[in-house]
Amino acid sequence: MSGISDRKRDILRRVVEEHVATGEPVGSKTLVERSGLAVSPSTVRSELAQLESLGLLSHPHTSAGRIPTGAGYRFYAEELLGRQESRPPRFPLDLTSMKSEVEAALQSTTEMLSEVTQLLALVSAPGLETATVRHVEALLLQPSVVMVVTITSTGGVAKKLVTFDAPVDPGLASWANEYLNERLAGVGLGTHLLRRRIDDPSLSPRELAFLDALRPSFLELAAPTAQSLYVGGAASLLDGARADELQACRSLLSVLEKRAAVLELMTDAFDVRRPFIRVGLDHPGLHAVSLVGATYGLPTRMLGTVGLLGPVRMDYDKAVRTVRAAAHELSRLVEATYDDS
């Protein structure tokens, strides 16, 4: 495809954008009248025929116009990604005030994404093991039952009950509160430092035994976990769909019930540092669906993905600009929250 002339590229781009806007096949007369091409309709017809011979356009038998094929959309998408400005546009949501509540920020981001684009918005959250400990509480619920509550830097709350064979000294539980907060605050859940910080050879056997009983509450948090997936716009996905797109949208909604499959789609491009477009997903029932996404995170590692899912006939330019803006805003947020180490 590298040998396609600039004029053919321009005409293909205009066909895609006109078809996305109207949902109708695009003819040569329409292109000349609406886009101001400085060539005759007959020249455009010739170019359209050649683009069709290359497999980039198709010719519905009921119309003289053309519509993009999957290959045409993919060619258009690659051209679009190559034309992106160096700096992402501004996202219409300021997350800087939510740095201590990352989970709420992720949900707000999905809602704004779907509102702006009318597409299905997806944001994968960083794994819990990438957060740090903000606060710990060892609460004596019953004489021999302690509930360990761990609040993370992302606003997440984890609770675990620990049952002892004998009543627990309230003073020991109070001491553990102070000790654990002093030792663990700011420590990453997924780091070896967490395990080392709990231990201290200078502690008494009684204190060491109590902490040893609480230890699984923190080590289980440190184990890698499946990422959470935030979804926005599912309720309105069918509103703007054409009759021939309804089945693709229904298939998409059915796949959402399988969060692991959707997360796999999101993480397939986790190492990609630039926005990406997947036209016609290689997944059962999603061949007529596209994914536009961008990753967010720290300079040294990606933490999650921002994505928009919808019919192949979507406004890719708007979708790319929106996910870039959202990913940039989320990167700013997590840089103020996570330890880049």
C-alpha atoms as a PDB file:
ATOM      1  CA  MET A   1       0.000   0.000   0.000  1.00  0.00           C
ATOM      2  CA  SER A   2       3.008   2.305   0.248  1.00  0.00           C
ATOM      3  CA  GLY A   3       2.716   3.139  -3.450  1.00  0.00           C
ATOM      4  CA  ILE A   4      -0.747   4.700  -3.139  1.00  0.00           C
ATOM      5  CA  SER A   5      -0.698   8.272  -4.414  1.00  0.00           C
ATOM      6  CA  ASP A   6      -1.445  11.230  -2.178  1.00  0.00           C
ATOM      7  CA  ARG A   7      -4.658  11.862  -4.115  1.00  0.00           C
ATOM      8  CA  LYS A   8      -5.892   8.318  -3.517  1.00  0.00           C
ATOM      9  CA  ARG A   9      -5.036   8.647   0.184  1.00  0.00           C
ATOM     10  CA  ASP A  10      -6.970  11.911   0.325  1.00  0.00           C
ATOM     11  CA  ILE A  11      -9.992  10.443  -1.448  1.00  0.00           C
ATOM     12  CA  LEU A  12      -9.990   7.344   0.759  1.00  0.00           C
ATOM     13  CA  ARG A  13      -9.832   9.541   3.856  1.00  0.00           C
ATOM     14  CA  ARG A  14     -12.772  11.596   2.623  1.00  0.00           C
ATOM     15  CA  VAL A  15     -14.806   8.471   1.788  1.00  0.00           C
ATOM     16  CA  VAL A  16     -14.231   7.066   5.277  1.00  0.00           C
ATOM     17  CA  GLU A  17     -15.111  10.311   7.020  1.00  0.00           C
ATOM     18  CA  GLU A  18     -18.198  10.905   4.853  1.00  0.00           C
ATOM     19  CA  HIS A  19     -19.432   7.354   5.395  1.00  0.00           C
ATOM     20  CA  VAL A  20     -18.825   7.626   9.152  1.00  0.00           C
ATOM     21  CA  ALA A  21     -20.824  10.859   9.237  1.00  0.00           C
ATOM     22  CA  THR A  22     -23.788   9.682   7.122  1.00  0.00           C
ATOM     23  CA  GLY A  23     -23.742   5.888   7.157  1.00  0.00           C
ATOM     24  CA  GLU A  24     -24.433   5.970   3.415  1.00  0.00           C
ATOM     25  CA  PRO A  25     -22.337   4.853   0.407  1.00  0.00           C
ATOM     26  CA  VAL A  26     -20.271   7.731  -0.948  1.00  0.00           C
ATOM     27  CA  GLY A  27     -20.279   8.640  -4.629  1.00  0.00           C
ATOM     28  CA  SER A  28     -17.923  10.747  -6.711  1.00  0.00           C
ATOM     29  CA  LYS A  29     -20.414  13.610  -7.087  1.00  0.00           C
ATOM     30  CA  THR A  30     -20.877  13.815  -3.313  1.00  0.00           C
ATOM     31  CA  LEU A  31     -17.121  13.910  -2.741  1.00  0.00           C
ATOM     32  CA  VAL A  32     -16.591  16.761  -5.207  1.00  0.00           C
ATOM     33  CA  GLU A  33     -19.532  18.810  -3.938  1.00  0.00           C
ATOM     34  CA  ARG A  34     -18.946  18.413  -0.186  1.00  0.00           C
ATOM     35  CA  SER A  35     -15.180  18.334   0.010  1.00  0.00           C
ATOM     36  CA  GLY A  36     -14.212  20.813  -2.642  1.00  0.00           C
ATOM     37  CA  LEU A  37     -11.863  18.443  -4.476  1.00  0.00           C
ATOM     38  CA  ALA A  38     -10.187  20.276  -7.346  1.00  0.00           C
ATOM     39  CA  VAL A  39     -10.830  17.423  -9.793  1.00  0.00           C
ATOM     40  CA  SER A  40     -13.798  16.314 -11.868  1.00  0.00           C
ATOM     41  CA  PRO A  41     -16.297  13.653 -10.774  1.00  0.00           C
ATOM     42  CA  SER A  42     -15.029  11.401 -13.566  1.00  0.00           C
ATOM     43  CA  THR A  43     -11.485  11.560 -12.165  1.00  0.00           C
ATOM     44  CA  VAL A  44     -12.797  10.755  -8.702  1.00  0.00           C
ATOM     45  CA  ARG A  45     -14.791   7.814 -10.116  1.00  0.00           C
ATOM     46  CA  SER A  46     -11.597   6.443 -11.633  1.00  0.00           C
ATOM     47  CA  GLU A  47      -9.740   6.785  -8.347  1.00  0.00           C
ATOM     48  CA  LEU A  48     -12.605   5.130  -6.455  1.00  0.00           C
ATOM     49  CA  ALA A  49     -12.522   2.197  -8.851  1.00  0.00           C
ATOM     50  CA  GLN A  50      -8.774   1.766  -8.299  1.00  0.00           C
ATOM     51  CA  LEU A  51      -9.178   1.951  -4.522  1.00  0.00           C
ATOM     52  CA  GLU A  52     -11.842  -0.728  -4.843  1.00  0.00           C
ATOM     53  CA  SER A  53      -9.494  -2.913  -6.894  1.00  0.00           C
ATOM     54  CA  LEU A  54      -6.979  -2.609  -4.049  1.00  0.00           C
ATOM     55  CA  GLY A  55      -9.564  -3.936  -1.602  1.00  0.00           C
ATOM     56  CA  LEU A  56      -9.899  -0.664   0.307  1.00  0.00           C
ATOM     57  CA  LEU A  57     -13.454   0.132  -0.807  1.00  0.00           C
ATOM     58  CA  SER A  58     -16.468  -1.972  -1.696  1.00  0.00           C
ATOM     59  CA  HIS A  59     -19.315  -1.254  -4.070  1.00  0.00           C
ATOM     60  CA  PRO A  60     -22.797  -2.165  -2.743  1.00  0.00           C
ATOM     61  CA  HIS A  61     -24.871  -3.475  -5.637  1.00  0.00           C
ATOM     62  CA  THR A  62     -27.791  -1.226  -4.690  1.00  0.00           C
ATOM     63  CA  SER A  63     -25.788   1.998  -4.956  1.00  0.00           C
ATOM     64  CA  ALA A  64     -23.297   3.779  -7.146  1.00  0.00           C
ATOM     65  CA  GLY A  65     -21.346   4.873  -4.081  1.00  0.00           C
ATOM     66  CA  ARG A  66     -18.568   3.134  -2.177  1.00  0.00           C
ATOM     67  CA  ILE A  67     -18.066   2.192   1.446  1.00  0.00           C
ATOM     68  CA  PRO A  68     -14.784   1.374   3.232  1.00  0.00           C
ATOM     69  CA  THR A  69     -13.791  -2.241   3.717  1.00  0.00           C
ATOM     70  CA  GLY A  70     -12.041  -3.500   6.837  1.00  0.00           C
ATOM     71  CA  ALA A  71      -8.730  -3.041   4.995  1.00  0.00           C
ATOM     72  CA  GLY A  72      -9.791   0.486   4.047  1.00  0.00           C
ATOM     73  CA  TYR A  73     -10.547   1.376   7.653  1.00  0.00           C
ATOM     74  CA  ARG A  74      -7.208  -0.095   8.772  1.00  0.00           C
ATOM     75  CA  PHE A  75      -5.299   1.901   6.138  1.00  0.00           C
ATOM     76  CA  TYR A  76      -7.163   5.040   7.181  1.00  0.00           C
ATOM     77  CA  ALA A  77      -6.425   4.310  10.854  1.00  0.00           C
ATOM     78  CA  GLU A  78      -2.673   3.984  10.262  1.00  0.00           C
ATOM     79  CA  GLU A  79      -2.655   7.250   8.344  1.00  0.00           C
ATOM     80  CA  LEU A  80      -4.627   8.913  11.124  1.00  0.00           C
ATOM     81  CA  LEU A  81      -2.225   7.736  13.831  1.00  0.00           C
ATOM     82  CA  GLY A  82       0.691   9.065  11.804  1.00  0.00           C
ATOM     83  CA  ARG A  83      -0.871  12.540  11.688  1.00  0.00           C
ATOM     84  CA  GLN A  84      -1.329  13.000  15.441  1.00  0.00           C
ATOM     85  CA  GLU A  85       0.051  16.153  17.034  1.00  0.00           C
ATOM     86  CA  SER A  86       2.909  15.713  19.491  1.00  0.00           C
ATOM     87  CA  ARG A  87       0.873  16.956  22.450  1.00  0.00           C
ATOM     88  CA  PRO A  88      -2.498  15.402  23.281  1.00  0.00           C
ATOM     89  CA  PRO A  89      -5.557  17.668  23.391  1.00  0.00           C
ATOM     90  CA  ARG A  90      -7.083  18.748  26.678  1.00  0.00           C
ATOM     91  CA  PHE A  91      -9.403  16.267  28.380  1.00  0.00           C
ATOM     92  CA  PRO A  92     -12.637  17.898  29.634  1.00  0.00           C
ATOM     93  CA  LEU A  93     -12.103  16.571  33.163  1.00  0.00           C
ATOM     94  CA  ASP A  94      -9.474  17.731  35.649  1.00  0.00           C
ATOM     95  CA  LEU A  95      -8.307  14.807  37.783  1.00  0.00           C
ATOM     96  CA  THR A  96      -5.556  16.570  39.695  1.00  0.00           C
ATOM     97  CA  SER A  97      -7.731  16.999  42.791  1.00  0.00           C
ATOM     98  CA  MET A  98      -8.469  13.249  42.907  1.00  0.00           C
ATOM     99  CA  LYS A  99      -4.934  11.915  43.360  1.00  0.00           C
ATOM    100  CA  SER A 100      -5.882  10.155  46.599  1.00  0.00           C
ATOM    101  CA  GLU A 101      -8.943   8.537  45.016  1.00  0.00           C
ATOM    102  CA  VAL A 102      -7.688   6.889  41.842  1.00  0.00           C
ATOM    103  CA  GLU A 103     -10.603   4.479  41.632  1.00  0.00           C
ATOM    104  CA  ALA A 104     -13.115   7.324  41.616  1.00  0.00           C
ATOM    105  CA  ALA A 105     -11.018   9.111  38.986  1.00  0.00           C
ATOM    106  CA  LEU A 106     -11.045   6.036  36.740  1.00  0.00           C
ATOM    107  CA  GLN A 107     -14.824   5.756  36.966  1.00  0.00           C
ATOM    108  CA  SER A 108     -15.242   9.470  36.244  1.00  0.00           C
ATOM    109  CA  THR A 109     -12.937   9.104  33.245  1.00  0.00           C
ATOM    110  CA  THR A 110     -15.013   6.299  31.720  1.00  0.00           C
ATOM    111  CA  GLU A 111     -18.203   8.306  32.158  1.00  0.00           C
ATOM    112  CA  MET A 112     -16.670  11.347  30.485  1.00  0.00           C
ATOM    113  CA  LEU A 113     -15.219   9.256  27.637  1.00  0.00           C
ATOM    114  CA  SER A 114     -18.589   7.721  26.812  1.00  0.00           C
ATOM    115  CA  GLU A 115     -20.359  11.071  27.127  1.00  0.00           C
ATOM    116  CA  VAL A 116     -17.965  12.779  24.709  1.00  0.00           C
ATOM    117  CA  THR A 117     -17.854   9.996  22.097  1.00  0.00           C
ATOM    118  CA  GLN A 118     -21.137   8.076  22.548  1.00  0.00           C
ATOM    119  CA  LEU A 119     -19.058   4.895  22.444  1.00  0.00           C
ATOM    120  CA  LEU A 120     -18.448   2.190  25.016  1.00  0.00           C
ATOM    121  CA  ALA A 121     -15.652   3.448  27.284  1.00  0.00           C
ATOM    122  CA  LEU A 122     -13.273   1.107  29.097  1.00  0.00           C
ATOM    123  CA  VAL A 123     -10.474   1.917  31.528  1.00  0.00           C
ATOM    124  CA  SER A 124      -8.346  -0.812  33.088  1.00  0.00           C
ATOM    125  CA  ALA A 125      -7.118  -0.013  36.585  1.00  0.00           C
ATOM    126  CA  PRO A 126      -3.577  -0.644  37.806  1.00  0.00           C
ATOM    127  CA  GLY A 127      -3.216  -3.942  39.638  1.00  0.00           C
ATOM    128  CA  LEU A 128      -3.578  -3.589  43.396  1.00  0.00           C
ATOM    129  CA  GLU A 129       0.028  -4.687  43.840  1.00  0.00           C
ATOM    130  CA  THR A 130       1.207  -1.445  42.197  1.00  0.00           C
ATOM    131  CA  ALA A 131      -0.336   0.740  44.953  1.00  0.00           C
ATOM    132  CA  THR A 132       1.158   1.729  48.293  1.00  0.00           C
ATOM    133  CA  VAL A 133      -0.170   1.463  51.829  1.00  0.00           C
ATOM    134  CA  ARG A 134      -1.797   4.651  53.056  1.00  0.00           C
ATOM    135  CA  HIS A 135      -3.228   3.536  56.390  1.00  0.00           C
ATOM    136  CA  VAL A 136      -3.696   0.365  58.462  1.00  0.00           C
ATOM    137  CA  GLU A 137      -6.213  -0.395  61.226  1.00  0.00           C
ATOM    138  CA  ALA A 138      -6.167  -3.485  63.472  1.00  0.00           C
ATOM    139  CA  LEU A 139      -9.661  -3.426  64.962  1.00  0.00           C
ATOM    140  CA  LEU A 140     -10.607  -5.696  67.852  1.00  0.00           C
ATOM    141  CA  LEU A 141     -14.134  -6.785  66.850  1.00  0.00           C
ATOM    142  CA  GLN A 142     -14.490  -9.553  69.426  1.00  0.00           C
ATOM    143  CA  PRO A 143     -12.192 -10.682  72.233  1.00  0.00           C
ATOM    144  CA  SER A 144     -10.401 -13.109  69.898  1.00  0.00           C
ATOM    145  CA  VAL A 145     -11.201 -11.619  66.456  1.00  0.00           C
ATOM    146  CA  VAL A 146      -9.203  -8.797  64.832  1.00  0.00           C
ATOM    147  CA  MET A 147     -10.173  -7.158  61.544  1.00  0.00           C
ATOM    148  CA  VAL A 148      -7.225  -5.772  59.579  1.00  0.00           C
ATOM    149  CA  VAL A 149      -8.261  -2.886  57.330  1.00  0.00           C
ATOM    150  CA  THR A 150      -5.746  -1.680  54.740  1.00  0.00           C
ATOM    151  CA  ILE A 151      -6.371   1.540  52.808  1.00  0.00           C
ATOM    152  CA  THR A 152      -4.227   1.938  49.684  1.00  0.00           C
ATOM    153  CA  SER A 153      -2.919   4.983  47.886  1.00  0.00           C
ATOM    154  CA  THR A 154      -5.547   4.471  45.167  1.00  0.00           C
ATOM    155  CA  GLY A 155      -8.417   4.705  47.648  1.00  0.00           C
ATOM    156  CA  GLY A 156      -8.963   0.939  47.738  1.00  0.00           C
ATOM    157  CA  VAL A 157      -9.971  -0.728  50.989  1.00  0.00           C
ATOM    158  CA  ALA A 158      -9.110  -4.359  51.851  1.00  0.00           C
ATOM    159  CA  LYS A 159     -10.438  -6.140  54.945  1.00  0.00           C
ATOM    160  CA  LYS A 160      -9.432  -9.447  56.499  1.00  0.00           C
ATOM    161  CA  LEU A 161     -10.568 -11.157  59.687  1.00  0.00           C
ATOM    162  CA  VAL A 162      -7.947 -12.881  61.871  1.00  0.00           C
ATOM    163  CA  THR A 163      -9.134 -15.261  64.607  1.00  0.00           C
ATOM    164  CA  PHE A 164      -6.928 -16.054  67.600  1.00  0.00           C
ATOM    165  CA  ASP A 165      -7.100 -19.035  69.945  1.00  0.00           C
ATOM    166  CA  ALA A 166      -7.226 -16.773  73.005  1.00  0.00           C
ATOM    167  CA  PRO A 167      -8.546 -13.264  73.762  1.00  0.00           C
ATOM    168  CA  VAL A 168      -6.357 -10.475  72.380  1.00  0.00           C
ATOM    169  CA  ASP A 169      -4.972  -7.812  74.702  1.00  0.00           C
ATOM    170  CA  PRO A 170      -6.547  -4.466  73.549  1.00  0.00           C
ATOM    171  CA  GLY A 171      -3.251  -2.760  74.319  1.00  0.00           C
ATOM    172  CA  LEU A 172      -1.477  -5.103  71.910  1.00  0.00           C
ATOM    173  CA  ALA A 173      -3.954  -4.278  69.123  1.00  0.00           C
ATOM    174  CA  SER A 174      -3.500  -0.559  69.812  1.00  0.00           C
ATOM    175  CA  TRP A 175       0.292  -0.950  69.694  1.00  0.00           C
ATOM    176  CA  ALA A 176       0.032  -2.851  66.383  1.00  0.00           C
ATOM    177  CA  ASN A 177      -1.939   0.030  64.871  1.00  0.00           C
ATOM    178  CA  GLU A 178       0.815   2.528  65.609  1.00  0.00           C
ATOM    179  CA  TYR A 179       3.616   0.147  64.680  1.00  0.00           C
ATOM    180  CA  LEU A 180       2.147  -0.947  61.350  1.00  0.00           C
ATOM    181  CA  ASN A 181       1.285   2.580  60.224  1.00  0.00           C
ATOM    182  CA  GLU A 182       4.755   3.783  61.144  1.00  0.00           C
ATOM    183  CA  ARG A 183       6.419   0.894  59.324  1.00  0.00           C
ATOM    184  CA  LEU A 184       4.166   0.386  56.286  1.00  0.00           C
ATOM    185  CA  ALA A 185       2.785   3.793  55.285  1.00  0.00           C
ATOM    186  CA  GLY A 186       4.047   4.612  51.804  1.00  0.00           C
ATOM    187  CA  VAL A 187       5.432   1.113  51.153  1.00  0.00           C
ATOM    188  CA  GLY A 188       4.425  -0.537  47.866  1.00  0.00           C
ATOM    189  CA  LEU A 189       2.154  -3.559  48.150  1.00  0.00           C
ATOM    190  CA  GLY A 190       4.095  -5.365  45.455  1.00  0.00           C
ATOM    191  CA  THR A 191       7.557  -4.848  46.943  1.00  0.00           C
ATOM    192  CA  HIS A 192       9.815  -7.054  49.050  1.00  0.00           C
ATOM    193  CA  LEU A 193      10.196  -4.085  51.384  1.00  0.00           C
ATOM    194  CA  LEU A 194       6.681  -4.711  52.683  1.00  0.00           C
ATOM    195  CA  ARG A 195       7.655  -8.121  54.056  1.00  0.00           C
ATOM    196  CA  ARG A 196      10.862  -6.785  55.613  1.00  0.00           C
ATOM    197  CA  ARG A 197       9.143  -3.815  57.241  1.00  0.00           C
ATOM    198  CA  ILE A 198       6.781  -6.027  59.232  1.00  0.00           C
ATOM    199  CA  ASP A 199       9.659  -7.862  60.921  1.00  0.00           C
ATOM    200  CA  ASP A 200      11.843  -6.312  63.600  1.00  0.00           C
ATOM    201  CA  PRO A 201      14.241  -8.500  65.664  1.00  0.00           C
ATOM    202  CA  SER A 202      14.040  -6.062  68.570  1.00  0.00           C
ATOM    203  CA  LEU A 203      10.346  -6.834  69.197  1.00  0.00           C
ATOM    204  CA  SER A 204       9.236  -9.110  72.024  1.00  0.00           C
ATOM    205  CA  PRO A 205       8.135 -12.688  71.252  1.00  0.00           C
ATOM    206  CA  ARG A 206       4.538 -11.677  72.098  1.00  0.00           C
ATOM    207  CA  GLU A 207       4.607  -8.770  69.627  1.00  0.00           C
ATOM    208  CA  LEU A 208       6.276 -10.867  66.936  1.00  0.00           C
ATOM    209  CA  ALA A 209       3.664 -13.613  67.322  1.00  0.00           C
ATOM    210  CA  PHE A 210       0.822 -11.093  66.989  1.00  0.00           C
ATOM    211  CA  LEU A 211       2.305  -9.524  63.856  1.00  0.00           C
ATOM    212  CA  ASP A 212       2.945 -12.974  62.409  1.00  0.00           C
ATOM    213  CA  ALA A 213      -0.759 -13.715  62.695  1.00  0.00           C
ATOM    214  CA  LEU A 214      -1.600 -10.451  60.873  1.00  0.00           C
ATOM    215  CA  ARG A 215       1.079 -10.896  58.199  1.00  0.00           C
ATOM    216  CA  PRO A 216      -1.128 -12.785  55.630  1.00  0.00           C
ATOM    217  CA  SER A 217      -3.423  -9.747  55.477  1.00  0.00           C
ATOM    218  CA  PHE A 218      -0.629  -7.786  53.800  1.00  0.00           C
ATOM    219  CA  LEU A 219       1.139 -10.513  51.850  1.00  0.00           C
ATOM    220  CA  GLU A 220      -2.090 -11.527  50.141  1.00  0.00           C
ATOM    221  CA  LEU A 221      -2.490  -7.936  49.007  1.00  0.00           C
ATOM    222  CA  ALA A 222       1.036  -8.026  47.626  1.00  0.00           C
ATOM    223  CA  ALA A 223       0.208 -10.988  45.384  1.00  0.00           C
ATOM    224  CA  PRO A 224      -0.486  -9.960  41.757  1.00  0.00           C
ATOM    225  CA  THR A 225      -4.207  -9.543  41.166  1.00  0.00           C
ATOM    226  CA  ALA A 226      -6.458  -9.217  38.154  1.00  0.00           C
ATOM    227  CA  GLN A 227      -6.995  -5.636  37.125  1.00  0.00           C
ATOM    228  CA  SER A 228     -10.341  -3.981  37.615  1.00  0.00           C
ATOM    229  CA  LEU A 229     -12.199  -2.792  34.553  1.00  0.00           C
ATOM    230  CA  TYR A 230     -14.312   0.347  34.572  1.00  0.00           C
ATOM    231  CA  VAL A 231     -17.059   0.577  31.942  1.00  0.00           C
ATOM    232  CA  GLY A 232     -19.072   3.567  30.806  1.00  0.00           C
ATOM    233  CA  GLY A 233     -21.729   4.074  28.148  1.00  0.00           C
ATOM    234  CA  ALA A 234     -23.100   0.527  27.953  1.00  0.00           C
ATOM    235  CA  ALA A 235     -26.668   1.747  28.449  1.00  0.00           C
ATOM    236  CA  SER A 236     -26.511   4.152  25.482  1.00  0.00           C
ATOM    237  CA  LEU A 237     -24.411   2.019  23.118  1.00  0.00           C
ATOM    238  CA  LEU A 238     -27.403   0.963  21.013  1.00  0.00           C
ATOM    239  CA  ASP A 239     -28.907   4.461  20.762  1.00  0.00           C
ATOM    240  CA  GLY A 240     -26.856   5.694  17.814  1.00  0.00           C
ATOM    241  CA  ALA A 241     -26.356   2.349  16.072  1.00  0.00           C
ATOM    242  CA  ARG A 242     -27.737   1.718  12.589  1.00  0.00           C
ATOM    243  CA  ALA A 243     -29.811  -1.379  11.907  1.00  0.00           C
ATOM    244  CA  ASP A 244     -26.842  -3.176  10.326  1.00  0.00           C
ATOM    245  CA  GLU A 245     -24.694  -2.384  13.393  1.00  0.00           C
ATOM    246  CA  LEU A 246     -27.082  -3.578  16.089  1.00  0.00           C
ATOM    247  CA  GLN A 247     -25.817  -7.155  16.040  1.00  0.00           C
ATOM    248  CA  ALA A 248     -22.210  -6.001  16.507  1.00  0.00           C
ATOM    249  CA  CYS A 249     -23.276  -3.839  19.463  1.00  0.00           C
ATOM    250  CA  ARG A 250     -25.237  -6.681  21.033  1.00  0.00           C
ATOM    251  CA  SER A 251     -22.250  -8.992  20.642  1.00  0.00           C
ATOM    252  CA  LEU A 252     -20.087  -6.379  22.323  1.00  0.00           C
ATOM    253  CA  LEU A 253     -22.445  -6.078  25.279  1.00  0.00           C
ATOM    254  CA  SER A 254     -22.512  -9.855  25.677  1.00  0.00           C
ATOM    255  CA  VAL A 255     -18.703  -9.996  25.754  1.00  0.00           C
ATOM    256  CA  LEU A 256     -18.682  -7.382  28.523  1.00  0.00           C
ATOM    257  CA  GLU A 257     -20.108 -10.058  30.791  1.00  0.00           C
ATOM    258  CA  LYS A 258     -16.745 -11.825  30.446  1.00  0.00           C
ATOM    259  CA  ARG A 259     -14.461  -9.269  32.067  1.00  0.00           C
ATOM    260  CA  ALA A 260     -11.352 -11.435  31.638  1.00  0.00           C
ATOM    261  CA  ALA A 261     -11.822 -11.516  27.844  1.00  0.00           C
ATOM    262  CA  VAL A 262     -12.240  -7.742  27.662  1.00  0.00           C
ATOM    263  CA  LEU A 263      -9.175  -7.168  29.854  1.00  0.00           C
ATOM    264  CA  GLU A 264      -7.216  -9.393  27.501  1.00  0.00           C
ATOM    265  CA  LEU A 265      -8.233  -7.170  24.595  1.00  0.00           C
ATOM    266  CA  MET A 266      -7.130  -4.128  26.584  1.00  0.00           C
ATOM    267  CA  THR A 267      -3.773  -5.551  27.654  1.00  0.00           C
ATOM    268  CA  ASP A 268      -2.785  -6.958  24.253  1.00  0.00           C
ATOM    269  CA  ALA A 269      -1.345  -3.517  23.466  1.00  0.00           C
ATOM    270  CA  PHE A 270      -0.007  -2.827  26.959  1.00  0.00           C
ATOM    271  CA  ASP A 271       3.543  -2.270  25.698  1.00  0.00           C
ATOM    272  CA  VAL A 272       2.461   0.147  23.006  1.00  0.00           C
ATOM    273  CA  ARG A 273       3.533   3.695  23.839  1.00  0.00           C
ATOM    274  CA  ARG A 274       1.379   5.407  21.244  1.00  0.00           C
ATOM    275  CA  PRO A 275      -2.391   5.308  20.621  1.00  0.00           C
ATOM    276  CA  PHE A 276      -3.593   2.230  18.773  1.00  0.00           C
ATOM    277  CA  ILE A 277      -6.564   1.216  16.647  1.00  0.00           C
ATOM    278  CA  ARG A 278      -7.792  -2.349  16.168  1.00  0.00           C
ATOM    279  CA  VAL A 279     -10.329  -2.593  13.334  1.00  0.00           C
ATOM    280  CA  GLY A 280     -12.388  -5.794  13.405  1.00  0.00           C
ATOM    281  CA  LEU A 281     -11.317  -7.544  16.609  1.00  0.00           C
ATOM    282  CA  ASP A 282      -9.994 -11.080  16.416  1.00  0.00           C
ATOM    283  CA  HIS A 283     -12.473 -12.367  18.962  1.00  0.00           C
ATOM    284  CA  PRO A 284     -15.676 -14.413  18.532  1.00  0.00           C
ATOM    285  CA  GLY A 285     -18.581 -12.096  17.778  1.00  0.00           C
ATOM    286  CA  LEU A 286     -16.437  -8.934  17.548  1.00  0.00           C
ATOM    287  CA  HIS A 287     -15.311  -8.942  13.920  1.00  0.00           C
ATOM    288  CA  ALA A 288     -17.522  -5.900  13.248  1.00  0.00           C
ATOM    289  CA  VAL A 289     -16.203  -4.005  16.301  1.00  0.00           C
ATOM    290  CA  SER A 290     -13.207  -1.687  16.632  1.00  0.00           C
ATOM    291  CA  LEU A 291     -11.079  -0.750  19.638  1.00  0.00           C
ATOM    292  CA  VAL A 292      -9.313   2.589  19.943  1.00  0.00           C
ATOM    293  CA  GLY A 293      -6.994   2.900  22.909  1.00  0.00           C
ATOM    294  CA  ALA A 294      -4.000   4.425  24.627  1.00  0.00           C
ATOM    295  CA  THR A 295      -1.974   3.356  27.644  1.00  0.00           C
ATOM    296  CA  TYR A 296      -1.294   5.448  30.726  1.00  0.00           C
ATOM    297  CA  GLY A 297       1.200   5.149  33.538  1.00  0.00           C
ATOM    298  CA  LEU A 298       4.653   6.171  34.689  1.00  0.00           C
ATOM    299  CA  PRO A 299       7.715   6.989  32.579  1.00  0.00           C
ATOM    300  CA  THR A 300       9.160   3.533  33.304  1.00  0.00           C
ATOM    301  CA  ARG A 301       6.036   1.358  33.159  1.00  0.00           C
ATOM    302  CA  MET A 302       2.466   1.314  31.945  1.00  0.00           C
ATOM    303  CA  LEU A 303      -0.268   0.840  34.542  1.00  0.00           C
ATOM    304  CA  GLY A 304      -3.463   0.633  32.512  1.00  0.00           C
ATOM    305  CA  THR A 305      -5.283   1.257  29.248  1.00  0.00           C
ATOM    306  CA  VAL A 306      -7.973   3.696  28.144  1.00  0.00           C
ATOM    307  CA  GLY A 307     -10.186   2.312  25.397  1.00  0.00           C
ATOM    308  CA  LEU A 308     -13.251   2.995  23.288  1.00  0.00           C
ATOM    309  CA  LEU A 309     -15.205   0.151  21.698  1.00  0.00           C
ATOM    310  CA  GLY A 310     -17.834   0.544  19.018  1.00  0.00           C
ATOM    311  CA  PRO A 311     -18.915  -0.389  15.506  1.00  0.00           C
ATOM    312  CA  VAL A 312     -16.268  -0.350  12.785  1.00  0.00           C
ATOM    313  CA  ARG A 313     -18.048   2.722  11.406  1.00  0.00           C
ATOM    314  CA  MET A 314     -16.961   5.147  14.113  1.00  0.00           C
ATOM    315  CA  ASP A 315     -15.361   8.574  14.248  1.00  0.00           C
ATOM    316  CA  TYR A 316     -11.758   7.370  14.640  1.00  0.00           C
ATOM    317  CA  ASP A 317     -10.253  10.845  14.660  1.00  0.00           C
ATOM    318  CA  LYS A 318     -12.401  11.945  17.608  1.00  0.00           C
ATOM    319  CA  ALA A 319     -11.876   8.612  19.367  1.00  0.00           C
ATOM    320  CA  VAL A 320      -8.070   8.820  19.103  1.00  0.00           C
ATOM    321  CA  ARG A 321      -7.963  12.424  20.291  1.00  0.00           C
ATOM    322  CA  THR A 322     -10.209  11.568  23.243  1.00  0.00           C
ATOM    323  CA  VAL A 323      -8.288   8.508  24.464  1.00  0.00           C
ATOM    324  CA  ARG A 324      -4.985  10.400  24.102  1.00  0.00           C
ATOM    325  CA  ALA A 325      -6.345  13.235  26.240  1.00  0.00           C
ATOM    326  CA  ALA A 326      -7.724  10.840  28.859  1.00  0.00           C
ATOM    327  CA  ALA A 327      -4.528   8.767  29.003  1.00  0.00           C
ATOM    328  CA  HIS A 328      -2.426  11.908  29.421  1.00  0.00           C
ATOM    329  CA  GLU A 329      -4.636  13.114  32.275  1.00  0.00           C
ATOM    330  CA  LEU A 330      -4.521   9.712  33.991  1.00  0.00           C
ATOM    331  CA  SER A 331      -0.729   9.590  33.623  1.00  0.00           C
ATOM    332  CA  ARG A 332      -0.495  12.936  35.391  1.00  0.00           C
ATOM    333  CA  LEU A 333      -2.702  11.541  38.142  1.00  0.00           C
ATOM    334  CA  VAL A 334      -0.759   8.326  38.764  1.00  0.00           C
ATOM    335  CA  GLU A 335       2.601  10.102  38.629  1.00  0.00           C
ATOM    336  CA  ALA A 336       1.477  12.001  41.719  1.00  0.00           C
ATOM    337  CA  THR A 337       0.281   8.791  43.399  1.00  0.00           C
ATOM    338  CA  TYR A 338       2.623   5.930  42.552  1.00  0.00           C
ATOM    339  CA  ASP A 339       6.271   5.401  43.330  1.00  0.00           C
ATOM    340  CA  ASP A 340       8.139   5.069  40.013  1.00  0.00           C
ATOM    341  CA  SER A 341      10.564   2.381  41.036  1.00  0.00           C
END
